Amino acid sequence: MEVNGRDDIRRLLKTFGIKADEIVIAHLARNPGELPLQIRLILEDRTDYGDHAPESPLHLEVDGEIRR
């Protein structure tokens, strides 16, 4: 993989992290309570490969909880 590709990945993940942090904090502020927030992060390839889809599509799920 070229350096530009890795830079694109890092930029995208950084942007996602910042936006996710902001929206989760806002959600917790609007929905106070004692129960932990159950959350799932999903990463999937949305590329239209036409008739040549990968044999193993890119897909990652991470489940977790955020204590209040």
Protein backbone atom coordinates (compact mmCIF):
# COMPACT_ATOMS: atom_id res chain seq x y z
CA MET A 1 0.00 0.00 0.00
CA GLU A 2 1.24 3.44 -0.86
CA VAL A 3 1.81 6.15 1.72
CA ASN A 4 -1.15 8.14 0.34
CA GLY A 5 -3.49 5.20 0.99
CA ARG A 6 -2.33 4.92 4.59
CA ASP A 7 -2.73 8.67 5.03
CA ASP A 8 -6.30 8.39 3.70
CA ILE A 9 -7.07 5.61 6.19
CA ARG A 10 -5.65 7.55 9.12
CA ARG A 11 -7.49 10.75 8.13
CA LEU A 12 -10.79 8.90 7.79
CA LEU A 13 -10.39 7.11 11.13
CA LYS A 14 -9.37 10.32 12.88
CA THR A 15 -12.41 12.15 11.49
CA PHE A 16 -14.66 9.28 12.54
CA GLY A 17 -13.19 9.26 16.04
CA ILE A 18 -13.69 12.99 16.55
CA LYS A 19 -17.26 12.93 15.21
CA ALA A 20 -18.15 9.79 17.18
CA ASP A 21 -16.83 11.34 20.39
CA GLU A 22 -18.89 14.48 19.86
CA ILE A 23 -22.13 12.67 19.03
CA VAL A 24 -21.82 10.16 21.89
CA ILE A 25 -21.16 12.95 24.42
CA ALA A 26 -24.19 14.86 23.11
CA HIS A 27 -26.35 11.73 23.21
CA LEU A 28 -25.36 11.01 26.81
CA ALA A 29 -26.15 14.60 27.79
CA ARG A 30 -29.63 14.37 26.21
CA ASN A 31 -30.30 10.94 27.71
CA PRO A 32 -29.04 10.86 31.29
CA GLY A 33 -29.29 7.70 33.33
CA GLU A 34 -27.31 5.12 35.18
CA LEU A 35 -27.33 2.28 32.66
CA PRO A 36 -24.27 2.02 30.44
CA LEU A 37 -24.74 2.92 26.78
CA GLN A 38 -24.53 -0.24 24.65
CA ILE A 39 -22.86 0.65 21.37
CA ARG A 40 -21.72 -1.06 18.17
CA LEU A 41 -19.24 0.38 15.71
CA ILE A 42 -19.38 -1.03 12.19
CA LEU A 43 -16.86 -0.72 9.37
CA GLU A 44 -17.86 -2.07 5.98
CA ASP A 45 -16.76 -1.72 2.39
CA ARG A 46 -19.44 0.09 0.38
CA THR A 47 -17.58 -0.01 -2.95
CA ASP A 48 -19.60 -1.06 -6.01
CA TYR A 49 -17.39 -3.75 -7.50
CA GLY A 50 -19.94 -4.66 -10.15
CA ASP A 51 -19.55 -8.32 -11.08
CA HIS A 52 -16.17 -8.61 -9.34
CA ALA A 53 -17.03 -8.44 -5.63
CA PRO A 54 -14.29 -9.60 -3.25
CA GLU A 55 -14.53 -13.15 -1.99
CA SER A 56 -14.25 -11.90 1.60
CA PRO A 57 -15.83 -8.46 1.92
CA LEU A 58 -14.38 -5.96 4.38
CA HIS A 59 -16.51 -5.96 7.53
CA LEU A 60 -15.66 -5.24 11.15
CA GLU A 61 -17.95 -4.90 14.16
CA VAL A 62 -16.88 -3.82 17.62
CA ASP A 63 -19.36 -3.93 20.50
CA GLY A 64 -18.85 -2.20 23.80
CA GLU A 65 -20.39 -0.16 26.52
CA ILE A 66 -19.85 3.33 27.80
CA ARG A 67 -20.30 3.87 31.51
CA ARG A 68 -22.04 7.04 32.55
